[in-house]
């Protein structure tokens, strides 16, 4: 078994994890740390799955869709682009990318 990753999904995973760490460092937010690391880990595993089989997008698609909804809702309530708007926008882009991949087969 080779260690192939979908690079965009892996970069997105690293961004989620880094955001959780930054949220903890700046605001001592344990929920930000926990969710950033959890979602980053799920996305990294999804990136690995897509590296093995480009059609295996289920985990990544579900994780991105949940983040789109949650962070989009937080952005609409707060109006603050950082961090909710940024994560919501990146998550939406990932959902669109993965949905395109599913529909193009």
PDB file of N, CA and C in Angstrom:
ATOM      1  N   UNK A   1       0.849  -1.169   0.000  1.00  0.00           N
ATOM      2  CA  UNK A   1       0.000   0.000   0.000  1.00  0.00           C
ATOM      3  C   UNK A   1       0.901   1.240   0.000  1.00  0.00           C
ATOM      4  N   UNK A   2       0.669   2.128  -0.942  1.00  0.00           N
ATOM      5  CA  UNK A   2       1.480   3.334  -1.024  1.00  0.00           C
ATOM      6  C   UNK A   2       0.841   4.448  -0.208  1.00  0.00           C
ATOM      7  N   UNK A   3       1.620   5.446   0.115  1.00  0.00           N
ATOM      8  CA  UNK A   3       1.133   6.584   0.890  1.00  0.00           C
ATOM      9  C   UNK A   3       0.841   7.732  -0.064  1.00  0.00           C
ATOM     10  N   UNK A   4      -0.273   7.625  -0.786  1.00  0.00           N
ATOM     11  CA  UNK A   4      -0.702   8.668  -1.695  1.00  0.00           C
ATOM     12  C   UNK A   4      -1.792   9.483  -1.023  1.00  0.00           C
ATOM     13  N   UNK A   5      -1.741  10.797  -1.229  1.00  0.00           N
ATOM     14  CA  UNK A   5      -2.725  11.708  -0.663  1.00  0.00           C
ATOM     15  C   UNK A   5      -3.282  12.609  -1.756  1.00  0.00           C
ATOM     16  N   UNK A   6      -4.533  12.988  -1.606  1.00  0.00           N
ATOM     17  CA  UNK A   6      -5.080  14.068  -2.405  1.00  0.00           C
ATOM     18  C   UNK A   6      -4.525  15.347  -1.792  1.00  0.00           C
ATOM     19  N   UNK A   7      -3.680  16.052  -2.530  1.00  0.00           N
ATOM     20  CA  UNK A   7      -2.939  17.174  -1.957  1.00  0.00           C
ATOM     21  C   UNK A   7      -3.832  18.338  -1.533  1.00  0.00           C
ATOM     22  N   UNK A   8      -4.858  18.660  -2.294  1.00  0.00           N
ATOM     23  CA  UNK A   8      -5.746  19.757  -1.896  1.00  0.00           C
ATOM     24  C   UNK A   8      -6.506  19.413  -0.620  1.00  0.00           C
ATOM     25  N   UNK A   9      -6.965  18.195  -0.512  1.00  0.00           N
ATOM     26  CA  UNK A   9      -7.664  17.772   0.701  1.00  0.00           C
ATOM     27  C   UNK A   9      -6.707  17.748   1.893  1.00  0.00           C
ATOM     28  N   UNK A  10      -5.469  17.341   1.668  1.00  0.00           N
ATOM     29  CA  UNK A  10      -4.479  17.333   2.753  1.00  0.00           C
ATOM     30  C   UNK A  10      -4.158  18.761   3.198  1.00  0.00           C
ATOM     31  N   UNK A  11      -4.056  19.686   2.263  1.00  0.00           N
ATOM     32  CA  UNK A  11      -3.812  21.088   2.614  1.00  0.00           C
ATOM     33  C   UNK A  11      -4.998  21.664   3.388  1.00  0.00           C
ATOM     34  N   UNK A  12      -6.202  21.321   2.987  1.00  0.00           N
ATOM     35  CA  UNK A  12      -7.408  21.744   3.694  1.00  0.00           C
ATOM     36  C   UNK A  12      -7.409  21.165   5.109  1.00  0.00           C
ATOM     37  N   UNK A  13      -7.028  19.908   5.252  1.00  0.00           N
ATOM     38  CA  UNK A  13      -6.947  19.260   6.566  1.00  0.00           C
ATOM     39  C   UNK A  13      -5.950  19.983   7.465  1.00  0.00           C
ATOM     40  N   UNK A  14      -4.798  20.331   6.910  1.00  0.00           N
ATOM     41  CA  UNK A  14      -3.781  21.049   7.685  1.00  0.00           C
ATOM     42  C   UNK A  14      -4.286  22.427   8.097  1.00  0.00           C
ATOM     43  N   UNK A  15      -5.034  23.082   7.222  1.00  0.00           N
ATOM     44  CA  UNK A  15      -5.604  24.389   7.536  1.00  0.00           C
ATOM     45  C   UNK A  15      -6.599  24.285   8.690  1.00  0.00           C
ATOM     46  N   UNK A  16      -7.441  23.250   8.672  1.00  0.00           N
ATOM     47  CA  UNK A  16      -8.407  23.051   9.752  1.00  0.00           C
ATOM     48  C   UNK A  16      -7.702  22.812  11.083  1.00  0.00           C
ATOM     49  N   UNK A  17      -6.706  21.945  11.073  1.00  0.00           N
ATOM     50  CA  UNK A  17      -5.971  21.647  12.304  1.00  0.00           C
ATOM     51  C   UNK A  17      -5.237  22.890  12.814  1.00  0.00           C
ATOM     52  N   UNK A  18      -4.597  23.614  11.920  1.00  0.00           N
ATOM     53  CA  UNK A  18      -3.885  24.831  12.310  1.00  0.00           C
ATOM     54  C   UNK A  18      -4.852  25.874  12.870  1.00  0.00           C
ATOM     55  N   UNK A  19      -6.022  25.978  12.282  1.00  0.00           N
ATOM     56  CA  UNK A  19      -7.027  26.913  12.791  1.00  0.00           C
ATOM     57  C   UNK A  19      -7.464  26.567  14.198  1.00  0.00           C
ATOM     58  N   UNK A  20      -7.627  25.288  14.473  1.00  0.00           N
ATOM     59  CA  UNK A  20      -7.976  24.861  15.820  1.00  0.00           C
ATOM     60  C   UNK A  20      -6.887  25.202  16.824  1.00  0.00           C
ATOM     61  N   UNK A  21      -5.654  24.991  16.424  1.00  0.00           N
ATOM     62  CA  UNK A  21      -4.516  25.303  17.303  1.00  0.00           C
ATOM     63  C   UNK A  21      -4.431  26.810  17.543  1.00  0.00           C
ATOM     64  N   UNK A  22      -4.595  27.589  16.493  1.00  0.00           N
ATOM     65  CA  UNK A  22      -4.552  29.052  16.632  1.00  0.00           C
ATOM     66  C   UNK A  22      -5.693  29.539  17.524  1.00  0.00           C
ATOM     67  N   UNK A  23      -6.891  28.964  17.358  1.00  0.00           N
ATOM     68  CA  UNK A  23      -8.011  29.329  18.212  1.00  0.00           C
ATOM     69  C   UNK A  23      -7.733  29.044  19.673  1.00  0.00           C
ATOM     70  N   UNK A  24      -7.035  27.960  19.932  1.00  0.00           N
ATOM     71  CA  UNK A  24      -6.687  27.625  21.309  1.00  0.00           C
ATOM     72  C   UNK A  24      -5.636  28.593  21.852  1.00  0.00           C
ATOM     73  N   UNK A  25      -4.623  28.878  21.055  1.00  0.00           N
ATOM     74  CA  UNK A  25      -3.538  29.751  21.513  1.00  0.00           C
ATOM     75  C   UNK A  25      -4.052  31.177  21.757  1.00  0.00           C
ATOM     76  N   UNK A  26      -4.870  31.691  20.843  1.00  0.00           N
ATOM     77  CA  UNK A  26      -5.345  33.077  20.970  1.00  0.00           C
ATOM     78  C   UNK A  26      -6.431  33.242  22.024  1.00  0.00           C
ATOM     79  N   UNK A  27      -7.387  32.331  22.061  1.00  0.00           N
ATOM     80  CA  UNK A  27      -8.559  32.521  22.919  1.00  0.00           C
ATOM     81  C   UNK A  27      -8.701  31.432  23.985  1.00  0.00           C
ATOM     82  N   UNK A  28      -7.711  30.555  24.086  1.00  0.00           N
ATOM     83  CA  UNK A  28      -7.779  29.418  25.000  1.00  0.00           C
ATOM     84  C   UNK A  28      -9.079  28.632  24.823  1.00  0.00           C
ATOM     85  N   UNK A  29      -9.497  28.495  23.574  1.00  0.00           N
ATOM     86  CA  UNK A  29     -10.740  27.805  23.240  1.00  0.00           C
ATOM     87  C   UNK A  29     -10.477  26.319  23.023  1.00  0.00           C
ATOM     88  N   UNK A  30     -10.834  25.539  24.035  1.00  0.00           N
ATOM     89  CA  UNK A  30     -10.665  24.084  23.942  1.00  0.00           C
ATOM     90  C   UNK A  30     -11.584  23.504  22.860  1.00  0.00           C
ATOM     91  N   UNK A  31     -12.843  23.988  22.705  1.00  0.00           N
ATOM     92  CA  UNK A  31     -13.671  23.463  21.614  1.00  0.00           C
ATOM     93  C   UNK A  31     -13.057  23.715  20.232  1.00  0.00           C
ATOM     94  N   UNK A  32     -12.437  24.868  20.035  1.00  0.00           N
ATOM     95  CA  UNK A  32     -11.774  25.138  18.748  1.00  0.00           C
ATOM     96  C   UNK A  32     -10.648  24.151  18.509  1.00  0.00           C
ATOM     97  N   UNK A  33      -9.867  23.902  19.534  1.00  0.00           N
ATOM     98  CA  UNK A  33      -8.767  22.953  19.413  1.00  0.00           C
ATOM     99  C   UNK A  33      -9.289  21.558  19.094  1.00  0.00           C
ATOM    100  N   UNK A  34     -10.277  21.118  19.861  1.00  0.00           N
ATOM    101  CA  UNK A  34     -10.812  19.766  19.674  1.00  0.00           C
ATOM    102  C   UNK A  34     -11.431  19.594  18.291  1.00  0.00           C
ATOM    103  N   UNK A  35     -12.259  20.546  17.880  1.00  0.00           N
ATOM    104  CA  UNK A  35     -12.934  20.412  16.588  1.00  0.00           C
ATOM    105  C   UNK A  35     -11.971  20.618  15.423  1.00  0.00           C
ATOM    106  N   UNK A  36     -11.026  21.529  15.561  1.00  0.00           N
ATOM    107  CA  UNK A  36     -10.037  21.723  14.506  1.00  0.00           C
ATOM    108  C   UNK A  36      -9.209  20.475  14.280  1.00  0.00           C
ATOM    109  N   UNK A  37      -8.762  19.873  15.379  1.00  0.00           N
ATOM    110  CA  UNK A  37      -7.963  18.647  15.251  1.00  0.00           C
ATOM    111  C   UNK A  37      -8.809  17.469  14.778  1.00  0.00           C
ATOM    112  N   UNK A  38     -10.044  17.372  15.273  1.00  0.00           N
ATOM    113  CA  UNK A  38     -10.910  16.261  14.856  1.00  0.00           C
ATOM    114  C   UNK A  38     -11.254  16.363  13.375  1.00  0.00           C
ATOM    115  N   UNK A  39     -11.678  17.540  12.943  1.00  0.00           N
ATOM    116  CA  UNK A  39     -12.038  17.713  11.522  1.00  0.00           C
ATOM    117  C   UNK A  39     -10.806  17.608  10.632  1.00  0.00           C
ATOM    118  N   UNK A  40      -9.677  18.134  11.096  1.00  0.00           N
ATOM    119  CA  UNK A  40      -8.435  18.000  10.336  1.00  0.00           C
ATOM    120  C   UNK A  40      -8.020  16.549  10.176  1.00  0.00           C
ATOM    121  N   UNK A  41      -8.185  15.773  11.235  1.00  0.00           N
ATOM    122  CA  UNK A  41      -7.848  14.344  11.178  1.00  0.00           C
ATOM    123  C   UNK A  41      -8.780  13.596  10.227  1.00  0.00           C
ATOM    124  N   UNK A  42     -10.077  13.879  10.318  1.00  0.00           N
ATOM    125  CA  UNK A  42     -11.029  13.246   9.390  1.00  0.00           C
ATOM    126  C   UNK A  42     -10.691  13.587   7.944  1.00  0.00           C
ATOM    127  N   UNK A  43     -10.389  14.859   7.698  1.00  0.00           N
ATOM    128  CA  UNK A  43     -10.060  15.258   6.324  1.00  0.00           C
ATOM    129  C   UNK A  43      -8.744  14.649   5.859  1.00  0.00           C
ATOM    130  N   UNK A  44      -7.781  14.517   6.748  1.00  0.00           N
ATOM    131  CA  UNK A  44      -6.510  13.898   6.360  1.00  0.00           C
ATOM    132  C   UNK A  44      -6.724  12.431   6.003  1.00  0.00           C
ATOM    133  N   UNK A  45      -7.559  11.742   6.768  1.00  0.00           N
ATOM    134  CA  UNK A  45      -7.866  10.353   6.429  1.00  0.00           C
ATOM    135  C   UNK A  45      -8.625  10.301   5.098  1.00  0.00           C
ATOM    136  N   UNK A  46      -9.537  11.244   4.892  1.00  0.00           N
ATOM    137  CA  UNK A  46     -10.245  11.321   3.609  1.00  0.00           C
ATOM    138  C   UNK A  46      -9.294  11.592   2.456  1.00  0.00           C
ATOM    139  N   UNK A  47      -8.285  12.428   2.694  1.00  0.00           N
ATOM    140  CA  UNK A  47      -7.284  12.709   1.658  1.00  0.00           C
ATOM    141  C   UNK A  47      -6.496  11.441   1.324  1.00  0.00           C
ATOM    142  N   UNK A  48      -6.203  10.644   2.348  1.00  0.00           N
ATOM    143  CA  UNK A  48      -5.528   9.376   2.121  1.00  0.00           C
ATOM    144  C   UNK A  48      -6.419   8.435   1.315  1.00  0.00           C
ATOM    145  N   UNK A  49      -7.715   8.355   1.671  1.00  0.00           N
ATOM    146  CA  UNK A  49      -8.643   7.492   0.940  1.00  0.00           C
ATOM    147  C   UNK A  49      -8.717   7.908  -0.527  1.00  0.00           C
ATOM    148  N   UNK A  50      -8.779   9.206  -0.792  1.00  0.00           N
ATOM    149  CA  UNK A  50      -8.852   9.677  -2.181  1.00  0.00           C
ATOM    150  C   UNK A  50      -7.542   9.436  -2.919  1.00  0.00           C
ATOM    151  N   UNK A  51      -6.441   9.421  -2.193  1.00  0.00           N
ATOM    152  CA  UNK A  51      -5.158   9.095  -2.816  1.00  0.00           C
ATOM    153  C   UNK A  51      -5.100   7.651  -3.273  1.00  0.00           C
ATOM    154  N   UNK A  52      -5.784   6.779  -2.544  1.00  0.00           N
ATOM    155  CA  UNK A  52      -5.833   5.369  -2.909  1.00  0.00           C
ATOM    156  C   UNK A  52      -6.848   5.111  -4.021  1.00  0.00           C
ATOM    157  N   UNK A  53      -7.996   5.793  -3.931  1.00  0.00           N
ATOM    158  CA  UNK A  53      -9.078   5.648  -4.912  1.00  0.00           C
ATOM    159  C   UNK A  53      -9.748   7.005  -5.072  1.00  0.00           C
ATOM    160  N   UNK A  54      -9.511   7.687  -6.191  1.00  0.00           N
ATOM    161  CA  UNK A  54     -10.048   9.039  -6.385  1.00  0.00           C
ATOM    162  C   UNK A  54     -11.574   9.131  -6.272  1.00  0.00           C
ATOM    163  N   UNK A  55     -12.277   8.008  -6.390  1.00  0.00           N
ATOM    164  CA  UNK A  55     -13.740   8.025  -6.285  1.00  0.00           C
ATOM    165  C   UNK A  55     -14.224   7.888  -4.843  1.00  0.00           C
ATOM    166  N   UNK A  56     -13.334   7.601  -3.924  1.00  0.00           N
ATOM    167  CA  UNK A  56     -13.693   7.404  -2.519  1.00  0.00           C
ATOM    168  C   UNK A  56     -13.698   8.756  -1.796  1.00  0.00           C
ATOM    169  N   UNK A  57     -14.771   9.511  -2.004  1.00  0.00           N
ATOM    170  CA  UNK A  57     -14.852  10.875  -1.480  1.00  0.00           C
ATOM    171  C   UNK A  57     -15.849  11.029  -0.333  1.00  0.00           C
ATOM    172  N   UNK A  58     -16.485   9.957   0.086  1.00  0.00           N
ATOM    173  CA  UNK A  58     -17.597  10.064   1.032  1.00  0.00           C
ATOM    174  C   UNK A  58     -17.207  10.764   2.331  1.00  0.00           C
ATOM    175  N   UNK A  59     -16.161  10.322   2.993  1.00  0.00           N
ATOM    176  CA  UNK A  59     -15.762  10.924   4.263  1.00  0.00           C
ATOM    177  C   UNK A  59     -15.419  12.400   4.092  1.00  0.00           C
ATOM    178  N   UNK A  60     -14.649  12.718   3.071  1.00  0.00           N
ATOM    179  CA  UNK A  60     -14.259  14.104   2.832  1.00  0.00           C
ATOM    180  C   UNK A  60     -15.460  14.966   2.486  1.00  0.00           C
ATOM    181  N   UNK A  61     -16.363  14.441   1.702  1.00  0.00           N
ATOM    182  CA  UNK A  61     -17.546  15.197   1.300  1.00  0.00           C
ATOM    183  C   UNK A  61     -18.446  15.469   2.500  1.00  0.00           C
ATOM    184  N   UNK A  62     -18.675  14.469   3.330  1.00  0.00           N
ATOM    185  CA  UNK A  62     -19.534  14.657   4.512  1.00  0.00           C
ATOM    186  C   UNK A  62     -18.891  15.648   5.489  1.00  0.00           C
ATOM    187  N   UNK A  63     -17.605  15.489   5.746  1.00  0.00           N
ATOM    188  CA  UNK A  63     -16.912  16.397   6.666  1.00  0.00           C
ATOM    189  C   UNK A  63     -16.970  17.826   6.160  1.00  0.00           C
ATOM    190  N   UNK A  64     -16.696  18.023   4.883  1.00  0.00           N
ATOM    191  CA  UNK A  64     -16.726  19.370   4.300  1.00  0.00           C
ATOM    192  C   UNK A  64     -18.134  19.956   4.306  1.00  0.00           C
ATOM    193  N   UNK A  65     -19.128  19.113   4.025  1.00  0.00           N
ATOM    194  CA  UNK A  65     -20.511  19.597   4.012  1.00  0.00           C
ATOM    195  C   UNK A  65     -20.953  20.025   5.412  1.00  0.00           C
ATOM    196  N   UNK A  66     -20.606  19.246   6.422  1.00  0.00           N
ATOM    197  CA  UNK A  66     -20.962  19.615   7.799  1.00  0.00           C
ATOM    198  C   UNK A  66     -20.284  20.930   8.183  1.00  0.00           C
ATOM    199  N   UNK A  67     -19.009  21.059   7.851  1.00  0.00           N
ATOM    200  CA  UNK A  67     -18.302  22.300   8.159  1.00  0.00           C
ATOM    201  C   UNK A  67     -18.885  23.491   7.400  1.00  0.00           C
ATOM    202  N   UNK A  68     -19.306  23.273   6.151  1.00  0.00           N
ATOM    203  CA  UNK A  68     -19.935  24.350   5.391  1.00  0.00           C
ATOM    204  C   UNK A  68     -21.183  24.840   6.114  1.00  0.00           C
ATOM    205  N   UNK A  69     -22.011  23.899   6.553  1.00  0.00           N
ATOM    206  CA  UNK A  69     -23.237  24.274   7.243  1.00  0.00           C
ATOM    207  C   UNK A  69     -22.988  24.958   8.577  1.00  0.00           C
ATOM    208  N   UNK A  70     -22.144  24.363   9.400  1.00  0.00           N
ATOM    209  CA  UNK A  70     -21.895  24.903  10.740  1.00  0.00           C
ATOM    210  C   UNK A  70     -21.216  26.259  10.662  1.00  0.00           C
ATOM    211  N   UNK A  71     -20.157  26.347   9.878  1.00  0.00           N
ATOM    212  CA  UNK A  71     -19.411  27.610   9.820  1.00  0.00           C
ATOM    213  C   UNK A  71     -20.158  28.667   9.021  1.00  0.00           C
ATOM    214  N   UNK A  72     -20.925  28.246   8.035  1.00  0.00           N
ATOM    215  CA  UNK A  72     -21.771  29.210   7.321  1.00  0.00           C
ATOM    216  C   UNK A  72     -22.813  29.810   8.238  1.00  0.00           C
ATOM    217  N   UNK A  73     -23.398  28.984   9.099  1.00  0.00           N
ATOM    218  CA  UNK A  73     -24.380  29.455  10.085  1.00  0.00           C
ATOM    219  C   UNK A  73     -23.724  30.414  11.074  1.00  0.00           C
ATOM    220  N   UNK A  74     -22.536  30.061  11.559  1.00  0.00           N
ATOM    221  CA  UNK A  74     -21.823  30.943  12.494  1.00  0.00           C
ATOM    222  C   UNK A  74     -21.462  32.273  11.837  1.00  0.00           C
ATOM    223  N   UNK A  75     -21.061  32.223  10.568  1.00  0.00           N
ATOM    224  CA  UNK A  75     -20.735  33.460   9.852  1.00  0.00           C
ATOM    225  C   UNK A  75     -21.967  34.329   9.670  1.00  0.00           C
ATOM    226  N   UNK A  76     -23.089  33.707   9.322  1.00  0.00           N
ATOM    227  CA  UNK A  76     -24.306  34.493   9.114  1.00  0.00           C
ATOM    228  C   UNK A  76     -24.785  35.137  10.415  1.00  0.00           C
ATOM    229  N   UNK A  77     -24.540  34.494  11.547  1.00  0.00           N
ATOM    230  CA  UNK A  77     -24.933  35.068  12.838  1.00  0.00           C
ATOM    231  C   UNK A  77     -23.975  36.150  13.318  1.00  0.00           C
ATOM    232  N   UNK A  78     -22.683  35.946  13.108  1.00  0.00           N
ATOM    233  CA  UNK A  78     -21.690  36.881  13.642  1.00  0.00           C
ATOM    234  C   UNK A  78     -21.282  37.962  12.650  1.00  0.00           C
ATOM    235  N   UNK A  79     -21.316  37.638  11.369  1.00  0.00           N
ATOM    236  CA  UNK A  79     -20.842  38.572  10.352  1.00  0.00           C
ATOM    237  C   UNK A  79     -19.328  38.692  10.305  1.00  0.00           C
ATOM    238  N   UNK A  80     -18.624  37.894  11.112  1.00  0.00           N
ATOM    239  CA  UNK A  80     -17.164  37.945  11.156  1.00  0.00           C
ATOM    240  C   UNK A  80     -16.585  36.942  10.170  1.00  0.00           C
ATOM    241  N   UNK A  81     -15.720  37.444   9.288  1.00  0.00           N
ATOM    242  CA  UNK A  81     -15.124  36.566   8.288  1.00  0.00           C
ATOM    243  C   UNK A  81     -14.147  35.582   8.926  1.00  0.00           C
ATOM    244  N   UNK A  82     -13.421  36.035   9.937  1.00  0.00           N
ATOM    245  CA  UNK A  82     -12.441  35.170  10.595  1.00  0.00           C
ATOM    246  C   UNK A  82     -13.016  34.663  11.896  1.00  0.00           C
ATOM    247  N   UNK A  83     -13.005  33.420  12.144  1.00  0.00           N
ATOM    248  CA  UNK A  83     -12.592  32.305  11.304  1.00  0.00           C
ATOM    249  C   UNK A  83     -13.758  31.670  10.542  1.00  0.00           C
ATOM    250  N   UNK A  84     -14.999  31.948  10.996  1.00  0.00           N
ATOM    251  CA  UNK A  84     -16.156  31.221  10.456  1.00  0.00           C
ATOM    252  C   UNK A  84     -16.330  31.414   8.956  1.00  0.00           C
ATOM    253  N   UNK A  85     -16.211  32.645   8.470  1.00  0.00           N
ATOM    254  CA  UNK A  85     -16.399  32.898   7.046  1.00  0.00           C
ATOM    255  C   UNK A  85     -15.349  32.215   6.196  1.00  0.00           C
ATOM    256  N   UNK A  86     -14.112  32.264   6.653  1.00  0.00           N
ATOM    257  CA  UNK A  86     -13.025  31.629   5.897  1.00  0.00           C
ATOM    258  C   UNK A  86     -13.196  30.118   5.837  1.00  0.00           C
ATOM    259  N   UNK A  87     -13.447  29.504   6.993  1.00  0.00           N
ATOM    260  CA  UNK A  87     -13.611  28.045   7.018  1.00  0.00           C
ATOM    261  C   UNK A  87     -14.859  27.644   6.229  1.00  0.00           C
ATOM    262  N   UNK A  88     -15.934  28.430   6.354  1.00  0.00           N
ATOM    263  CA  UNK A  88     -17.142  28.145   5.587  1.00  0.00           C
ATOM    264  C   UNK A  88     -16.897  28.213   4.092  1.00  0.00           C
ATOM    265  N   UNK A  89     -16.160  29.232   3.649  1.00  0.00           N
ATOM    266  CA  UNK A  89     -15.866  29.384   2.222  1.00  0.00           C
ATOM    267  C   UNK A  89     -14.956  28.263   1.714  1.00  0.00           C
ATOM    268  N   UNK A  90     -13.911  27.951   2.468  1.00  0.00           N
ATOM    269  CA  UNK A  90     -13.018  26.855   2.059  1.00  0.00           C
ATOM    270  C   UNK A  90     -13.762  25.525   2.024  1.00  0.00           C
ATOM    271  N   UNK A  91     -14.644  25.327   2.995  1.00  0.00           N
ATOM    272  CA  UNK A  91     -15.415  24.083   3.049  1.00  0.00           C
ATOM    273  C   UNK A  91     -16.367  23.986   1.865  1.00  0.00           C
ATOM    274  N   UNK A  92     -17.005  25.105   1.514  1.00  0.00           N
ATOM    275  CA  UNK A  92     -17.895  25.111   0.361  1.00  0.00           C
ATOM    276  C   UNK A  92     -17.131  24.798  -0.925  1.00  0.00           C
ATOM    277  N   UNK A  93     -15.946  25.372  -1.067  1.00  0.00           N
ATOM    278  CA  UNK A  93     -15.131  25.068  -2.248  1.00  0.00           C
ATOM    279  C   UNK A  93     -14.771  23.581  -2.304  1.00  0.00           C
ATOM    280  N   UNK A  94     -14.472  23.000  -1.157  1.00  0.00           N
ATOM    281  CA  UNK A  94     -14.150  21.570  -1.125  1.00  0.00           C
ATOM    282  C   UNK A  94     -15.380  20.744  -1.481  1.00  0.00           C
ATOM    283  N   UNK A  95     -16.556  21.120  -0.966  1.00  0.00           N
ATOM    284  CA  UNK A  95     -17.790  20.409  -1.308  1.00  0.00           C
ATOM    285  C   UNK A  95     -18.022  20.465  -2.809  1.00  0.00           C
ATOM    286  N   UNK A  96     -17.873  21.639  -3.409  1.00  0.00           N
ATOM    287  CA  UNK A  96     -18.085  21.782  -4.855  1.00  0.00           C
ATOM    288  C   UNK A  96     -17.089  20.935  -5.646  1.00  0.00           C
ATOM    289  N   UNK A  97     -15.842  20.936  -5.211  1.00  0.00           N
ATOM    290  CA  UNK A  97     -14.815  20.136  -5.884  1.00  0.00           C
ATOM    291  C   UNK A  97     -15.148  18.649  -5.819  1.00  0.00           C
ATOM    292  N   UNK A  98     -15.534  18.182  -4.644  1.00  0.00           N
ATOM    293  CA  UNK A  98     -15.828  16.764  -4.481  1.00  0.00           C
ATOM    294  C   UNK A  98     -17.131  16.374  -5.169  1.00  0.00           C
ATOM    295  N   UNK A  99     -18.120  17.250  -5.131  1.00  0.00           N
ATOM    296  CA  UNK A  99     -19.381  16.971  -5.834  1.00  0.00           C
ATOM    297  C   UNK A  99     -19.133  16.882  -7.334  1.00  0.00           C
ATOM    298  N   UNK A 100     -18.289  17.755  -7.856  1.00  0.00           N
ATOM    299  CA  UNK A 100     -17.935  17.689  -9.281  1.00  0.00           C
ATOM    300  C   UNK A 100     -17.264  16.354  -9.595  1.00  0.00           C
ATOM    301  N   UNK A 101     -16.376  15.920  -8.712  1.00  0.00           N
ATOM    302  CA  UNK A 101     -15.681  14.650  -8.925  1.00  0.00           C
ATOM    303  C   UNK A 101     -16.678  13.496  -8.969  1.00  0.00           C
ATOM    304  N   UNK A 102     -17.672  13.509  -8.091  1.00  0.00           N
ATOM    305  CA  UNK A 102     -18.676  12.451  -8.053  1.00  0.00           C
ATOM    306  C   UNK A 102     -19.534  12.493  -9.308  1.00  0.00           C
ATOM    307  N   UNK A 103     -19.939  13.673  -9.733  1.00  0.00           N
ATOM    308  CA  UNK A 103     -20.862  13.807 -10.862  1.00  0.00           C
ATOM    309  C   UNK A 103     -20.169  13.601 -12.209  1.00  0.00           C
ATOM    310  N   UNK A 104     -18.861  13.764 -12.278  1.00  0.00           N
ATOM    311  CA  UNK A 104     -18.174  13.623 -13.568  1.00  0.00           C
ATOM    312  C   UNK A 104     -17.890  12.164 -13.920  1.00  0.00           C
ATOM    313  N   UNK A 105     -18.155  11.248 -12.993  1.00  0.00           N
ATOM    314  CA  UNK A 105     -17.916   9.825 -13.288  1.00  0.00           C
ATOM    315  C   UNK A 105     -19.091   9.173 -13.943  1.00  0.00           C
TER     316      UNK A 105
END
